[in-house]
Amino acid sequence: MPVYEYICQDCKKITEARSSFAEKEKGLSVTCEHCGSKKMVQYFGNMTVTATFPLH
């Protein structure tokens, strides 16, 4: 299940949210775990890619 990062427009801290692609497409409502604000914007930070097949 993908992990999405959101940054709070009030306290400027990042909150992670796990949801399926289907849930994300329907519209994900995220609450800041630090201050409780609903003013969240998706944050595109570091990305990790894993592979189960040879890449060479």
PDB file of N, CA and C in Angstrom:
ATOM      1  N   MET A   1       0.854  -1.165   0.000  1.00  0.00           N
ATOM      2  CA  MET A   1       0.000   0.000   0.000  1.00  0.00           C
ATOM      3  C   MET A   1       0.903   1.232   0.000  1.00  0.00           C
ATOM      4  N   PRO A   2       0.642   2.179  -0.891  1.00  0.00           N
ATOM      5  CA  PRO A   2       1.480   3.376  -0.981  1.00  0.00           C
ATOM      6  C   PRO A   2       1.379   4.269   0.257  1.00  0.00           C
ATOM      7  N   VAL A   3       2.458   4.978   0.515  1.00  0.00           N
ATOM      8  CA  VAL A   3       2.508   5.960   1.601  1.00  0.00           C
ATOM      9  C   VAL A   3       2.598   7.339   0.956  1.00  0.00           C
ATOM     10  N   TYR A   4       1.692   8.217   1.321  1.00  0.00           N
ATOM     11  CA  TYR A   4       1.672   9.577   0.800  1.00  0.00           C
ATOM     12  C   TYR A   4       2.072  10.527   1.914  1.00  0.00           C
ATOM     13  N   GLU A   5       2.790  11.574   1.566  1.00  0.00           N
ATOM     14  CA  GLU A   5       3.197  12.571   2.543  1.00  0.00           C
ATOM     15  C   GLU A   5       2.422  13.858   2.285  1.00  0.00           C
ATOM     16  N   TYR A   6       1.960  14.447   3.371  1.00  0.00           N
ATOM     17  CA  TYR A   6       1.228  15.710   3.304  1.00  0.00           C
ATOM     18  C   TYR A   6       1.886  16.698   4.243  1.00  0.00           C
ATOM     19  N   ILE A   7       1.928  17.976   3.823  1.00  0.00           N
ATOM     20  CA  ILE A   7       2.481  19.015   4.687  1.00  0.00           C
ATOM     21  C   ILE A   7       1.331  19.899   5.165  1.00  0.00           C
ATOM     22  N   CYS A   8       1.359  20.206   6.443  1.00  0.00           N
ATOM     23  CA  CYS A   8       0.308  21.014   7.064  1.00  0.00           C
ATOM     24  C   CYS A   8       0.553  22.492   6.749  1.00  0.00           C
ATOM     25  N   GLN A   9      -0.470  23.175   6.287  1.00  0.00           N
ATOM     26  CA  GLN A   9      -0.347  24.593   5.984  1.00  0.00           C
ATOM     27  C   GLN A   9      -0.348  25.448   7.246  1.00  0.00           C
ATOM     28  N   ASP A  10      -0.739  24.877   8.383  1.00  0.00           N
ATOM     29  CA  ASP A  10      -0.734  25.626   9.641  1.00  0.00           C
ATOM     30  C   ASP A  10       0.597  25.490  10.382  1.00  0.00           C
ATOM     31  N   CYS A  11       1.021  24.249  10.670  1.00  0.00           N
ATOM     32  CA  CYS A  11       2.234  24.062  11.477  1.00  0.00           C
ATOM     33  C   CYS A  11       3.467  23.694  10.650  1.00  0.00           C
ATOM     34  N   LYS A  12       3.280  23.446   9.332  1.00  0.00           N
ATOM     35  CA  LYS A  12       4.389  23.147   8.401  1.00  0.00           C
ATOM     36  C   LYS A  12       5.081  21.818   8.670  1.00  0.00           C
ATOM     37  N   LYS A  13       4.437  20.903   9.373  1.00  0.00           N
ATOM     38  CA  LYS A  13       5.017  19.587   9.639  1.00  0.00           C
ATOM     39  C   LYS A  13       4.418  18.569   8.679  1.00  0.00           C
ATOM     40  N   ILE A  14       5.161  17.487   8.456  1.00  0.00           N
ATOM     41  CA  ILE A  14       4.759  16.459   7.495  1.00  0.00           C
ATOM     42  C   ILE A  14       4.068  15.301   8.210  1.00  0.00           C
ATOM     43  N   THR A  15       2.970  14.831   7.603  1.00  0.00           N
ATOM     44  CA  THR A  15       2.216  13.686   8.092  1.00  0.00           C
ATOM     45  C   THR A  15       2.155  12.662   6.977  1.00  0.00           C
ATOM     46  N   GLU A  16       2.343  11.384   7.308  1.00  0.00           N
ATOM     47  CA  GLU A  16       2.242  10.310   6.334  1.00  0.00           C
ATOM     48  C   GLU A  16       0.851   9.696   6.381  1.00  0.00           C
ATOM     49  N   ALA A  17       0.351   9.322   5.208  1.00  0.00           N
ATOM     50  CA  ALA A  17      -0.950   8.655   5.111  1.00  0.00           C
ATOM     51  C   ALA A  17      -0.816   7.446   4.200  1.00  0.00           C
ATOM     52  N   ARG A  18      -1.280   6.296   4.661  1.00  0.00           N
ATOM     53  CA  ARG A  18      -1.273   5.074   3.845  1.00  0.00           C
ATOM     54  C   ARG A  18      -2.675   4.870   3.291  1.00  0.00           C
ATOM     55  N   SER A  19      -2.751   4.645   1.990  1.00  0.00           N
ATOM     56  CA  SER A  19      -4.048   4.344   1.388  1.00  0.00           C
ATOM     57  C   SER A  19      -3.824   3.657   0.054  1.00  0.00           C
ATOM     58  N   SER A  20      -4.840   2.970  -0.410  1.00  0.00           N
ATOM     59  CA  SER A  20      -4.764   2.313  -1.713  1.00  0.00           C
ATOM     60  C   SER A  20      -4.885   3.375  -2.801  1.00  0.00           C
ATOM     61  N   PHE A  21      -4.542   2.993  -4.024  1.00  0.00           N
ATOM     62  CA  PHE A  21      -4.682   3.920  -5.147  1.00  0.00           C
ATOM     63  C   PHE A  21      -6.139   4.326  -5.323  1.00  0.00           C
ATOM     64  N   ALA A  22      -7.052   3.378  -5.123  1.00  0.00           N
ATOM     65  CA  ALA A  22      -8.485   3.656  -5.278  1.00  0.00           C
ATOM     66  C   ALA A  22      -8.947   4.698  -4.258  1.00  0.00           C
ATOM     67  N   GLU A  23      -8.526   4.536  -3.002  1.00  0.00           N
ATOM     68  CA  GLU A  23      -8.893   5.515  -1.961  1.00  0.00           C
ATOM     69  C   GLU A  23      -8.328   6.892  -2.287  1.00  0.00           C
ATOM     70  N   LYS A  24      -7.097   6.927  -2.784  1.00  0.00           N
ATOM     71  CA  LYS A  24      -6.448   8.203  -3.130  1.00  0.00           C
ATOM     72  C   LYS A  24      -7.196   8.894  -4.256  1.00  0.00           C
ATOM     73  N   GLU A  25      -7.615   8.122  -5.261  1.00  0.00           N
ATOM     74  CA  GLU A  25      -8.342   8.677  -6.397  1.00  0.00           C
ATOM     75  C   GLU A  25      -9.699   9.246  -5.993  1.00  0.00           C
ATOM     76  N   LYS A  26     -10.350   8.634  -5.000  1.00  0.00           N
ATOM     77  CA  LYS A  26     -11.658   9.111  -4.531  1.00  0.00           C
ATOM     78  C   LYS A  26     -11.536  10.413  -3.751  1.00  0.00           C
ATOM     79  N   GLY A  27     -10.344  10.684  -3.231  1.00  0.00           N
ATOM     80  CA  GLY A  27     -10.136  11.888  -2.434  1.00  0.00           C
ATOM     81  C   GLY A  27      -9.830  11.508  -1.001  1.00  0.00           C
ATOM     82  N   LEU A  28      -8.618  11.737  -0.603  1.00  0.00           N
ATOM     83  CA  LEU A  28      -8.148  11.336   0.709  1.00  0.00           C
ATOM     84  C   LEU A  28      -8.239  12.526   1.661  1.00  0.00           C
ATOM     85  N   SER A  29      -8.887  12.346   2.782  1.00  0.00           N
ATOM     86  CA  SER A  29      -8.987  13.400   3.796  1.00  0.00           C
ATOM     87  C   SER A  29      -7.944  13.124   4.878  1.00  0.00           C
ATOM     88  N   VAL A  30      -6.940  13.992   4.957  1.00  0.00           N
ATOM     89  CA  VAL A  30      -5.833  13.785   5.889  1.00  0.00           C
ATOM     90  C   VAL A  30      -5.878  14.860   6.972  1.00  0.00           C
ATOM     91  N   THR A  31      -5.685  14.437   8.217  1.00  0.00           N
ATOM     92  CA  THR A  31      -5.619  15.349   9.355  1.00  0.00           C
ATOM     93  C   THR A  31      -4.190  15.376   9.872  1.00  0.00           C
ATOM     94  N   CYS A  32      -3.671  16.553  10.170  1.00  0.00           N
ATOM     95  CA  CYS A  32      -2.313  16.687  10.689  1.00  0.00           C
ATOM     96  C   CYS A  32      -2.215  15.982  12.039  1.00  0.00           C
ATOM     97  N   GLU A  33      -1.230  15.084  12.158  1.00  0.00           N
ATOM     98  CA  GLU A  33      -1.058  14.349  13.420  1.00  0.00           C
ATOM     99  C   GLU A  33      -0.396  15.209  14.486  1.00  0.00           C
ATOM    100  N   HIS A  34       0.089  16.390  14.116  1.00  0.00           N
ATOM    101  CA  HIS A  34       0.779  17.265  15.058  1.00  0.00           C
ATOM    102  C   HIS A  34      -0.148  18.322  15.669  1.00  0.00           C
ATOM    103  N   CYS A  35      -0.996  18.950  14.820  1.00  0.00           N
ATOM    104  CA  CYS A  35      -1.837  20.036  15.339  1.00  0.00           C
ATOM    105  C   CYS A  35      -3.335  19.817  15.102  1.00  0.00           C
ATOM    106  N   GLY A  36      -3.692  18.761  14.336  1.00  0.00           N
ATOM    107  CA  GLY A  36      -5.102  18.462  14.103  1.00  0.00           C
ATOM    108  C   GLY A  36      -5.737  19.227  12.955  1.00  0.00           C
ATOM    109  N   SER A  37      -4.967  20.010  12.223  1.00  0.00           N
ATOM    110  CA  SER A  37      -5.495  20.802  11.111  1.00  0.00           C
ATOM    111  C   SER A  37      -5.904  19.913   9.946  1.00  0.00           C
ATOM    112  N   LYS A  38      -6.870  20.369   9.175  1.00  0.00           N
ATOM    113  CA  LYS A  38      -7.299  19.689   7.951  1.00  0.00           C
ATOM    114  C   LYS A  38      -6.715  20.371   6.716  1.00  0.00           C
ATOM    115  N   LYS A  39      -5.915  21.415   6.908  1.00  0.00           N
ATOM    116  CA  LYS A  39      -5.326  22.164   5.790  1.00  0.00           C
ATOM    117  C   LYS A  39      -4.036  21.479   5.341  1.00  0.00           C
ATOM    118  N   MET A  40      -4.210  20.378   4.606  1.00  0.00           N
ATOM    119  CA  MET A  40      -3.075  19.563   4.186  1.00  0.00           C
ATOM    120  C   MET A  40      -2.889  19.615   2.675  1.00  0.00           C
ATOM    121  N   VAL A  41      -1.633  19.648   2.237  1.00  0.00           N
ATOM    122  CA  VAL A  41      -1.289  19.650   0.822  1.00  0.00           C
ATOM    123  C   VAL A  41      -0.308  18.511   0.598  1.00  0.00           C
ATOM    124  N   GLN A  42      -0.512  17.763  -0.490  1.00  0.00           N
ATOM    125  CA  GLN A  42       0.395  16.640  -0.737  1.00  0.00           C
ATOM    126  C   GLN A  42       1.807  17.156  -0.952  1.00  0.00           C
ATOM    127  N   TYR A  43       2.754  16.470  -0.332  1.00  0.00           N
ATOM    128  CA  TYR A  43       4.167  16.831  -0.339  1.00  0.00           C
ATOM    129  C   TYR A  43       4.929  15.737  -1.076  1.00  0.00           C
ATOM    130  N   PHE A  44       5.733  16.122  -2.044  1.00  0.00           N
ATOM    131  CA  PHE A  44       6.513  15.161  -2.810  1.00  0.00           C
ATOM    132  C   PHE A  44       7.957  15.239  -2.349  1.00  0.00           C
ATOM    133  N   GLY A  45       8.297  14.398  -1.387  1.00  0.00           N
ATOM    134  CA  GLY A  45       9.644  14.378  -0.821  1.00  0.00           C
ATOM    135  C   GLY A  45      10.456  13.260  -1.436  1.00  0.00           C
ATOM    136  N   ASN A  46      11.168  12.537  -0.606  1.00  0.00           N
ATOM    137  CA  ASN A  46      11.999  11.430  -1.069  1.00  0.00           C
ATOM    138  C   ASN A  46      11.141  10.294  -1.595  1.00  0.00           C
ATOM    139  N   MET A  47      11.686   9.567  -2.548  1.00  0.00           N
ATOM    140  CA  MET A  47      10.968   8.450  -3.129  1.00  0.00           C
ATOM    141  C   MET A  47      11.861   7.218  -3.081  1.00  0.00           C
ATOM    142  N   THR A  48      11.293   6.095  -2.701  1.00  0.00           N
ATOM    143  CA  THR A  48      12.024   4.839  -2.657  1.00  0.00           C
ATOM    144  C   THR A  48      11.434   3.895  -3.687  1.00  0.00           C
ATOM    145  N   VAL A  49      12.308   3.281  -4.464  1.00  0.00           N
ATOM    146  CA  VAL A  49      11.866   2.324  -5.474  1.00  0.00           C
ATOM    147  C   VAL A  49      12.517   0.981  -5.174  1.00  0.00           C
ATOM    148  N   THR A  50      11.716  -0.061  -5.156  1.00  0.00           N
ATOM    149  CA  THR A  50      12.258  -1.403  -4.966  1.00  0.00           C
ATOM    150  C   THR A  50      11.907  -2.240  -6.180  1.00  0.00           C
ATOM    151  N   ALA A  51      12.784  -3.165  -6.520  1.00  0.00           N
ATOM    152  CA  ALA A  51      12.553  -4.010  -7.691  1.00  0.00           C
ATOM    153  C   ALA A  51      12.749  -5.467  -7.279  1.00  0.00           C
ATOM    154  N   THR A  52      11.974  -6.336  -7.895  1.00  0.00           N
ATOM    155  CA  THR A  52      12.109  -7.768  -7.616  1.00  0.00           C
ATOM    156  C   THR A  52      12.682  -8.505  -8.826  1.00  0.00           C
ATOM    157  N   PHE A  53      13.196  -7.746  -9.772  1.00  0.00           N
ATOM    158  CA  PHE A  53      13.789  -8.344 -10.968  1.00  0.00           C
ATOM    159  C   PHE A  53      15.122  -7.641 -11.249  1.00  0.00           C
ATOM    160  N   PRO A  54      16.029  -8.268 -11.972  1.00  0.00           N
ATOM    161  CA  PRO A  54      17.319  -7.637 -12.278  1.00  0.00           C
ATOM    162  C   PRO A  54      17.141  -6.382 -13.135  1.00  0.00           C
ATOM    163  N   LEU A  55      17.855  -5.343 -12.801  1.00  0.00           N
ATOM    164  CA  LEU A  55      17.766  -4.091 -13.545  1.00  0.00           C
ATOM    165  C   LEU A  55      18.901  -3.927 -14.556  1.00  0.00           C
ATOM    166  N   HIS A  56      19.676  -4.943 -14.818  1.00  0.00           N
ATOM    167  CA  HIS A  56      20.780  -4.819 -15.784  1.00  0.00           C
ATOM    168  C   HIS A  56      20.555  -5.611 -17.044  1.00  0.00           C
TER     169      HIS A  56
END
